[in-house]
Protein backbone atom coordinates (compact mmCIF):
# COMPACT_ATOMS: atom_id res chain seq x y z
CA MET A 1 -0.10 0.09 0.22
CA THR A 2 1.29 3.46 -0.88
CA VAL A 3 0.34 6.93 0.09
CA SER A 4 1.16 8.58 -3.33
CA PRO A 5 -0.56 11.95 -4.19
CA SER A 6 0.25 11.59 -7.91
CA ALA A 7 -1.96 8.52 -8.34
CA ALA A 8 -4.60 9.92 -6.53
CA PRO A 9 -7.96 10.65 -8.36
CA ALA A 10 -10.03 13.82 -7.50
CA LEU A 11 -10.95 13.46 -4.03
CA SER A 12 -13.07 16.38 -3.53
CA ASP A 13 -16.89 16.41 -3.73
CA ALA A 14 -17.27 20.14 -3.94
CA PRO A 15 -15.82 22.60 -7.05
CA PRO A 16 -12.39 24.79 -6.59
CA ARG A 17 -12.49 27.50 -3.83
CA PRO A 18 -11.69 31.19 -4.68
CA ARG A 19 -8.56 32.38 -3.07
CA THR A 20 -10.32 34.57 -0.28
CA ALA A 21 -12.41 31.29 1.16
CA VAL A 22 -8.88 29.27 0.65
CA VAL A 23 -7.33 32.00 2.99
CA PHE A 24 -10.13 31.84 5.50
CA GLY A 25 -9.79 28.08 5.39
CA VAL A 26 -6.24 28.20 6.22
CA ILE A 27 -6.85 30.62 9.05
CA ALA A 28 -9.70 28.61 10.34
CA LEU A 29 -7.70 25.49 10.24
CA VAL A 30 -4.84 26.76 12.43
CA LEU A 31 -6.87 28.42 14.92
CA ILE A 32 -8.80 24.84 15.43
CA GLY A 33 -5.37 22.88 15.28
CA LEU A 34 -4.02 25.21 17.95
CA ASN A 35 -6.88 24.09 20.23
CA LEU A 36 -7.48 20.55 19.39
CA ARG A 37 -4.99 19.55 22.12
CA ALA A 38 -4.45 22.61 24.25
CA GLY A 39 -7.31 21.96 26.48
CA ILE A 40 -5.88 18.53 27.24
CA ALA A 41 -2.08 19.31 27.61
CA GLY A 42 -2.56 22.42 30.17
CA ALA A 43 -4.80 20.13 32.37
CA SER A 44 -2.37 17.22 32.13
CA ALA A 45 0.46 19.53 33.24
CA LEU A 46 -1.64 20.72 36.30
CA LEU A 47 -3.14 17.54 37.54
CA HIS A 48 -1.34 17.33 40.39
CA ASP A 49 -1.75 21.00 41.71
CA LEU A 50 -5.75 20.78 40.94
CA GLN A 51 -6.05 17.59 42.87
CA GLN A 52 -3.82 19.29 45.74
CA VAL A 53 -6.05 22.75 45.57
CA LEU A 54 -9.29 21.24 45.13
CA GLY A 55 -9.06 18.11 47.33
CA TYR A 56 -10.46 15.27 44.82
CA GLY A 57 -9.71 11.76 45.68
CA PRO A 58 -7.64 9.18 43.31
CA LEU A 59 -10.74 7.74 41.89
CA VAL A 60 -11.56 11.24 40.28
CA ALA A 61 -7.66 11.73 39.78
CA ALA A 62 -7.87 8.59 37.39
CA ILE A 63 -11.18 9.61 35.65
CA ILE A 64 -10.18 13.13 34.89
CA PRO A 65 -7.69 12.33 32.29
CA SER A 66 -9.85 9.53 31.01
CA ILE A 67 -12.61 12.02 30.37
CA PRO A 68 -11.60 13.38 26.82
CA THR A 69 -10.79 10.04 25.29
CA LEU A 70 -14.49 8.94 26.40
CA CYS A 71 -16.04 12.24 25.46
CA PHE A 72 -14.18 11.64 21.63
CA ALA A 73 -15.71 8.01 21.76
CA VAL A 74 -19.57 8.96 22.68
CA ALA A 75 -19.70 12.42 21.10
CA GLY A 76 -17.41 11.58 18.28
CA ALA A 77 -19.81 8.46 17.20
CA ALA A 78 -22.61 11.34 16.95
CA THR A 79 -20.55 13.16 14.17
CA SER A 80 -21.55 11.36 10.98
CA TRP A 81 -25.17 11.94 11.83
CA LEU A 82 -24.30 15.59 13.07
CA THR A 83 -22.63 16.26 9.93
CA GLY A 84 -25.19 15.08 7.64
CA ARG A 85 -28.22 17.32 9.16
CA LEU A 86 -26.15 20.60 9.61
CA GLY A 87 -23.35 20.01 7.07
CA VAL A 88 -19.22 19.73 7.96
CA GLU A 89 -19.07 23.45 8.47
CA LYS A 90 -21.88 24.29 11.02
CA ALA A 91 -21.16 20.80 12.88
CA ILE A 92 -18.04 21.97 13.60
CA LEU A 93 -18.74 25.67 14.44
CA LEU A 94 -21.17 24.25 16.98
CA ALA A 95 -18.55 21.82 18.14
CA LEU A 96 -16.12 24.78 19.13
CA ALA A 97 -18.81 26.84 20.81
CA PHE A 98 -18.98 23.61 23.20
CA LEU A 99 -15.34 23.87 23.34
CA ALA A 100 -14.99 27.18 24.37
CA GLY A 101 -17.95 26.80 26.51
CA GLY A 102 -16.49 23.73 28.40
CA LEU A 103 -12.88 24.78 28.89
CA LEU A 104 -14.13 28.41 30.61
CA LEU A 105 -16.02 26.41 32.95
CA ARG A 106 -13.12 24.92 34.05
CA GLY A 107 -11.39 27.91 35.36
CA ILE A 108 -14.33 27.79 38.20
CA PRO A 109 -12.52 26.50 41.23
CA ALA A 110 -14.45 23.41 42.08
CA THR A 111 -14.31 19.78 41.10
CA GLY A 112 -17.78 19.57 39.53
CA MET A 113 -16.97 22.68 37.60
CA LEU A 114 -13.76 21.00 36.39
CA VAL A 115 -15.19 17.62 35.36
CA GLY A 116 -18.22 19.16 33.84
CA GLY A 117 -16.37 21.40 31.65
CA THR A 118 -14.07 18.96 30.99
CA ILE A 119 -17.17 16.87 29.67
CA VAL A 120 -18.55 19.66 27.45
CA GLY A 121 -15.52 21.02 26.00
CA MET A 122 -14.31 17.34 25.21
CA SER A 123 -17.74 16.46 23.41
CA GLY A 124 -17.22 19.75 21.27
CA LEU A 125 -13.51 18.64 20.54
CA ALA A 126 -14.77 15.15 19.51
CA VAL A 127 -17.22 16.39 17.00
CA CYS A 128 -13.61 18.54 15.71
CA ASN A 129 -11.66 15.45 15.44
CA VAL A 130 -14.12 13.54 12.81
CA ALA A 131 -15.16 16.25 11.17
CA MET A 132 -11.76 17.77 10.30
CA PRO A 133 -10.54 15.26 7.89
CA SER A 134 -13.95 15.60 5.59
CA PHE A 135 -13.35 19.40 6.07
CA ILE A 136 -9.93 19.27 4.50
CA ARG A 137 -11.14 16.91 2.08
CA THR A 138 -13.67 19.36 0.96
CA HIS A 139 -11.92 22.76 1.18
CA PHE A 140 -8.31 21.19 0.09
CA ALA A 141 -9.04 18.43 -2.02
CA HIS A 142 -5.75 18.59 -3.90
CA ARG A 143 -3.28 19.38 -0.97
CA THR A 144 -4.40 16.86 1.49
CA SER A 145 -1.04 15.60 2.76
CA VAL A 146 0.00 19.36 3.10
CA MET A 147 -3.24 20.95 4.82
CA THR A 148 -3.24 17.68 7.19
CA ALA A 149 0.29 18.12 8.11
CA LEU A 150 -0.11 21.91 8.82
CA TYR A 151 -3.12 20.92 11.07
CA THR A 152 -1.48 18.29 13.04
CA VAL A 153 1.60 20.57 13.30
CA THR A 154 -0.20 23.35 15.21
CA MET A 155 -2.56 20.81 16.85
CA THR A 156 1.04 19.72 18.19
CA THR A 157 2.06 23.33 18.64
CA GLY A 158 -0.75 24.44 20.87
CA ALA A 159 -0.25 21.30 23.17
CA THR A 160 3.53 22.09 23.56
CA VAL A 161 3.02 25.63 24.20
CA THR A 162 0.41 25.24 26.32
CA ALA A 163 2.20 22.71 28.38
CA VAL A 164 5.08 24.76 28.85
CA ALA A 165 3.16 27.88 29.60
CA VAL A 166 0.34 26.67 31.68
CA VAL A 167 2.27 26.16 34.91
CA PRO A 168 3.83 29.84 35.26
CA LEU A 169 1.06 30.93 34.40
CA ALA A 170 -1.03 29.28 37.40
CA MET A 171 1.60 30.65 39.51
CA ALA A 172 1.39 34.16 38.02
CA LEU A 173 -2.76 33.94 38.59
CA GLY A 174 -2.30 32.04 41.70
CA SER A 175 -4.83 29.32 41.02
CA PRO A 176 -4.46 26.15 38.73
CA SER A 177 -8.25 26.21 37.76
CA SER A 178 -7.71 30.04 36.35
CA ALA A 179 -4.89 28.82 34.27
CA VAL A 180 -6.71 26.04 32.78
CA GLY A 181 -9.94 28.19 32.31
CA ALA A 182 -7.98 30.62 30.46
CA ILE A 183 -7.07 28.30 27.55
CA GLY A 184 -11.10 28.59 26.93
CA TYR A 185 -10.05 32.00 25.12
CA LEU A 186 -8.12 30.25 22.17
CA ALA A 187 -11.18 28.18 21.55
CA VAL A 188 -13.35 31.64 21.66
CA ALA A 189 -10.62 32.99 18.65
CA ALA A 190 -11.22 29.79 16.85
CA PHE A 191 -14.90 30.07 16.99
CA VAL A 192 -14.45 33.99 15.46
CA GLY A 193 -12.20 32.74 13.11
CA PHE A 194 -14.52 29.99 12.01
CA LEU A 195 -17.56 32.07 11.41
CA PRO A 196 -16.32 33.48 8.09
CA ILE A 197 -16.28 29.80 6.75
CA VAL A 198 -20.19 28.88 7.77
CA LEU A 199 -21.25 32.22 6.29
CA HIS A 200 -19.23 31.87 2.77
CA THR A 201 -21.22 28.13 2.56
CA HIS A 202 -24.40 29.37 3.58
CA ARG A 203 -24.28 32.49 0.67
CA ASN A 204 -22.99 30.10 -1.71
CA SER A 205 -25.44 26.97 -1.02
CA VAL A 206 -22.11 24.85 -0.44
CA ARG A 207 -22.98 22.86 2.27
CA SER A 208 -20.48 19.60 2.41
CA THR A 209 -23.24 17.28 2.94
CA ALA A 210 -23.75 14.10 1.17
CA ALA A 211 -25.86 10.63 1.77
CA HIS A 212 -25.14 9.58 5.26
CA ILE A 213 -23.19 6.73 5.43
CA SER A 214 -23.56 4.43 8.60
CA PRO A 215 -19.71 3.82 9.96
CA TRP A 216 -20.60 0.67 11.67
CA PRO A 217 -21.01 -1.79 8.92
CA LEU A 218 -17.17 -0.67 7.70
CA LEU A 219 -16.30 -2.49 10.89
CA ARG A 220 -16.76 -5.80 8.75
CA THR A 221 -14.15 -4.63 6.23
CA ARG A 222 -10.58 -4.79 6.35
CA LYS A 223 -10.24 -1.42 5.87
CA GLY A 224 -12.39 -0.27 8.69
CA GLN A 225 -10.74 -3.14 10.87
CA LEU A 226 -6.89 -1.72 10.59
CA LEU A 227 -7.88 1.67 10.54
CA THR A 228 -9.60 1.60 13.92
CA ALA A 229 -7.05 -0.60 15.22
CA ILE A 230 -3.96 1.81 14.52
CA PHE A 231 -5.81 4.52 15.82
CA ALA A 232 -6.92 2.82 18.92
CA LEU A 233 -3.17 1.86 19.86
CA GLN A 234 -1.69 5.01 19.00
CA ALA A 235 -4.45 7.30 20.80
CA LEU A 236 -4.08 4.75 23.90
CA LEU A 237 -0.39 5.48 23.98
CA ALA A 238 -0.67 8.97 23.15
CA TYR A 239 -3.27 9.77 26.07
CA ALA A 240 -1.33 7.79 28.58
CA LEU A 241 1.64 9.70 27.88
CA ILE A 242 -0.13 12.86 27.61
CA SER A 243 -2.28 12.64 30.90
CA TRP A 244 0.20 10.99 33.03
CA PHE A 245 4.16 11.66 31.65
CA PRO A 246 4.77 14.62 33.93
CA SER A 247 3.04 12.99 36.93
CA MET A 248 5.19 10.17 35.84
CA LEU A 249 8.52 12.05 36.01
CA ILE A 250 7.67 13.46 39.35
CA SER A 251 6.95 10.63 40.83
CA MET A 252 10.39 9.04 39.78
CA GLY A 253 12.06 12.26 41.19
CA LEU A 254 12.09 15.21 38.68
CA SER A 255 10.88 18.25 40.14
CA PRO A 256 7.46 19.81 38.47
CA ALA A 257 9.08 22.32 36.64
CA ASP A 258 11.75 19.96 34.99
CA SER A 259 8.66 17.49 34.40
CA GLY A 260 6.98 20.37 32.61
CA LEU A 261 10.08 21.02 30.37
CA MET A 262 10.51 17.38 29.48
CA TYR A 263 6.79 17.25 28.63
CA GLY A 264 7.01 20.32 26.51
CA LEU A 265 10.06 18.80 24.76
CA MET A 266 8.04 15.58 23.97
CA GLN A 267 5.33 17.59 22.33
CA LEU A 268 7.71 19.84 20.63
CA VAL A 269 9.67 16.81 19.13
CA SER A 270 6.27 15.58 17.85
CA VAL A 271 5.90 18.69 15.78
CA PRO A 272 8.85 18.09 12.95
CA ALA A 273 8.46 14.38 13.53
CA GLY A 274 5.21 14.03 12.06
CA MET A 275 6.48 15.96 9.15
CA VAL A 276 8.96 13.94 8.44
CA ILE A 277 6.82 10.73 8.80
CA ILE A 278 4.07 12.45 6.49
CA ALA A 279 6.84 13.38 3.92
CA ILE A 280 8.40 9.68 4.27
CA GLY A 281 5.03 7.96 3.89
CA SER A 282 3.89 9.91 1.07
CA ARG A 283 6.66 8.42 -1.28
CA PRO A 284 5.78 5.38 -2.98
CA ARG A 285 6.29 2.42 -1.25
CA MET A 286 7.34 4.22 1.86
CA LEU A 287 4.24 3.93 3.84
CA ARG A 288 5.83 0.73 5.51
CA PRO A 289 9.11 2.16 6.65
CA ALA A 290 7.44 5.12 7.65
CA LEU A 291 4.95 3.13 10.04
CA TYR A 292 7.85 0.99 10.96
CA LEU A 293 9.87 3.80 11.97
CA VAL A 294 7.88 5.60 14.18
CA SER A 295 6.51 2.53 15.87
CA VAL A 296 9.62 1.18 16.98
CA THR A 297 10.69 4.36 18.14
CA MET A 298 7.73 4.48 20.48
CA VAL A 299 8.64 1.14 21.75
CA ALA A 300 12.08 2.01 22.53
CA GLY A 301 10.91 5.60 24.23
CA LEU A 302 8.58 3.59 26.47
CA ALA A 303 11.57 1.12 27.39
CA SER A 304 13.87 4.19 28.18
CA LEU A 305 11.40 5.73 30.52
CA LEU A 306 10.77 2.56 32.01
CA PHE A 307 14.57 1.32 32.73
CA LEU A 308 16.73 4.45 32.51
CA PRO A 309 17.40 6.97 35.58
CA VAL A 310 15.18 10.02 35.55
CA GLY A 311 18.44 12.21 35.07
CA LEU A 312 17.99 10.78 31.63
CA ALA A 313 14.66 11.95 31.15
CA VAL A 314 15.43 13.73 27.85
CA ILE A 315 16.31 10.47 26.04
CA PRO A 316 12.44 9.09 26.49
CA SER A 317 11.13 12.54 26.34
CA VAL A 318 12.82 12.60 22.69
CA LEU A 319 12.12 9.22 21.37
CA LEU A 320 8.60 9.79 22.89
CA GLY A 321 7.95 12.67 21.06
CA PHE A 322 9.18 11.12 17.70
CA GLY A 323 6.72 8.35 18.28
CA LEU A 324 3.73 10.36 18.68
CA GLY A 325 4.52 11.53 15.01
CA ILE A 326 2.37 8.59 13.86
CA PHE A 327 -1.17 10.50 14.27
CA PRO A 328 -0.60 12.94 11.23
CA LEU A 329 -0.15 9.79 9.16
CA VAL A 330 -3.00 8.24 10.49
CA MET A 331 -5.11 11.14 9.85
CA VAL A 332 -3.57 11.19 6.17
CA MET A 333 -4.54 7.63 5.67
CA ILE A 334 -8.32 8.60 7.20
CA SER A 335 -8.69 11.82 4.82
CA ARG A 336 -7.90 9.55 1.74
CA SER A 337 -9.72 6.34 2.74
CA GLY A 338 -12.91 7.10 1.53
CA THR A 339 -14.21 7.05 -2.27
CA SER A 340 -16.70 10.50 -0.98
CA THR A 341 -17.02 13.42 1.77
CA ALA A 342 -19.62 10.79 3.26
CA GLU A 343 -17.63 7.87 3.41
CA THR A 344 -14.93 9.45 4.63
CA THR A 345 -16.90 10.79 7.56
CA ALA A 346 -18.20 7.38 8.10
CA LEU A 347 -14.60 5.85 8.19
CA SER A 348 -13.35 8.82 10.39
CA THR A 349 -16.20 8.26 12.92
CA LEU A 350 -15.85 4.55 12.76
CA ALA A 351 -11.76 4.73 13.51
CA GLN A 352 -11.98 7.85 16.18
CA SER A 353 -15.18 6.96 18.09
CA THR A 354 -14.29 3.15 18.82
CA GLY A 355 -10.58 3.85 18.44
CA TYR A 356 -11.27 6.38 21.46
CA LEU A 357 -13.03 4.45 23.05
CA LEU A 358 -10.62 1.50 23.51
CA ALA A 359 -7.80 4.30 23.97
CA THR A 360 -10.13 5.52 27.50
CA ALA A 361 -7.91 2.18 28.78
CA GLY A 362 -4.93 4.08 28.23
CA PRO A 363 -5.13 7.21 30.83
CA PHE A 364 -7.60 5.64 33.34
CA GLY A 365 -6.21 2.12 33.80
CA ALA A 366 -2.49 3.83 33.75
CA GLY A 367 -3.90 6.04 36.69
CA LEU A 368 -5.72 3.54 38.38
CA LEU A 369 -2.66 0.72 38.42
CA PHE A 370 -0.55 3.82 39.70
CA SER A 371 -2.61 3.98 42.54
CA ALA A 372 -2.86 0.28 43.26
CA THR A 373 0.81 -0.35 43.14
CA GLY A 374 1.94 3.08 44.05
CA GLY A 375 4.47 3.14 41.18
CA TRP A 376 4.66 3.41 37.50
CA THR A 377 6.66 -0.03 36.67
CA LEU A 378 3.40 -2.43 36.01
CA PRO A 379 1.51 1.01 33.74
CA LEU A 380 4.73 1.43 32.11
CA ALA A 381 5.55 -2.29 31.24
CA LEU A 382 1.73 -2.63 29.65
CA LEU A 383 2.16 0.38 27.60
CA LEU A 384 5.25 -1.38 26.06
CA GLY A 385 3.65 -4.42 25.49
CA LEU A 386 0.91 -2.61 23.82
CA ALA A 387 3.59 -0.44 21.49
CA VAL A 388 4.89 -3.94 20.21
CA VAL A 389 1.27 -4.88 19.42
CA GLN A 390 1.28 -1.50 17.32
CA VAL A 391 4.51 -2.63 15.47
CA VAL A 392 2.85 -5.72 14.35
CA VAL A 393 -0.72 -3.71 12.92
CA ALA A 394 1.54 -1.19 11.46
CA HIS A 395 2.96 -4.13 9.42
CA LEU A 396 -0.26 -5.51 8.60
CA ILE A 397 -1.68 -2.48 7.36
CA SER A 398 1.01 -1.94 5.18
CA ARG A 399 1.19 -5.37 3.85
CA GLY A 400 -1.40 -5.10 1.20
CA PRO A 401 -3.53 -2.49 -0.53
CA LEU A 402 -6.38 -1.11 1.37
CA THR A 403 -8.97 0.31 -0.79
CA GLY A 404 -9.13 4.29 -1.03
CA LEU A 405 -5.80 4.44 0.64
CA LYS A 406 -3.78 4.39 -3.01
CA LYS A 407 -4.42 8.01 -3.27
């Protein structure tokens, strides 16, 4: 299986966009990308402080990092239906309103507001996650690799900047709740920036809808099974690390400030890593080496985190950051997987909703195992085993052609 742009047939279900619409589309893409991990990364960096200030117990502490993936599964499952009713653009605008409102609610210093705001915000985020491949397909039909790379790079950039800045911001504001709530203003900016897209499509009667395709029958196909499997594994590993990596380093003896820097380094490395992986994987017959490279690097990163002393934390931070670079390649595969916008949305819904449901076991299970054992050895050993499984799935998904992925 190859990911060769030159071999792709026309992907778009819509006519070419005028230059102004393209410019607004790029701006909207960047603003949305900046938001899609910022709220998660900001809360992860402050989980220890939030628990100390708000006083919730270990069960709530394990549940909070699991809310994003659970919402991605539940709310994401409804995205195919929602985009069929409203259109891709209006569905994304509604989702951004939920995201902004939920993140702002988290600024109220109460456990209920933290949990409730996270549920509301992550539900909005779920719709954006699933709908964005279809948005890219419709608005940037002949630039899917480039725009997916831009989208994922800005996503990681938002997470990196937030992870590094949120702890100093909490210290400056004197409250971790105020710091995580402030991230909501970035979502407000994305909502405002996306309005011109909705207005343009409404005025020109270009609504990105198509006949609704149910995603669930696609789970019986080889394409649906492998896309779901690779998405679930990379999401489980990513969110376990995004949720707990700073806490892991703190429990191993690193200071909160240094653990935040290592967390930021991991996120920072994932930016060029994603670009490199897309560049490699988009070449003819290079998808398999790209998937192998990034999956094996994840195995090496988890092994180094498990066995190396914490004084060498920079090594697992860099390796794990490179391992996280698989995400943009998976998103490109999803964006190009269908024969229409409706089928792409259905495959995206299947892979992301089912994948995130399975991925919930990552942050939740890791947190519970840490609470039960008092250490990170067992959780890290299990994550290492799953990283090995990802290598196997990467081999299967690149071994033979999947209909719709030779694009």
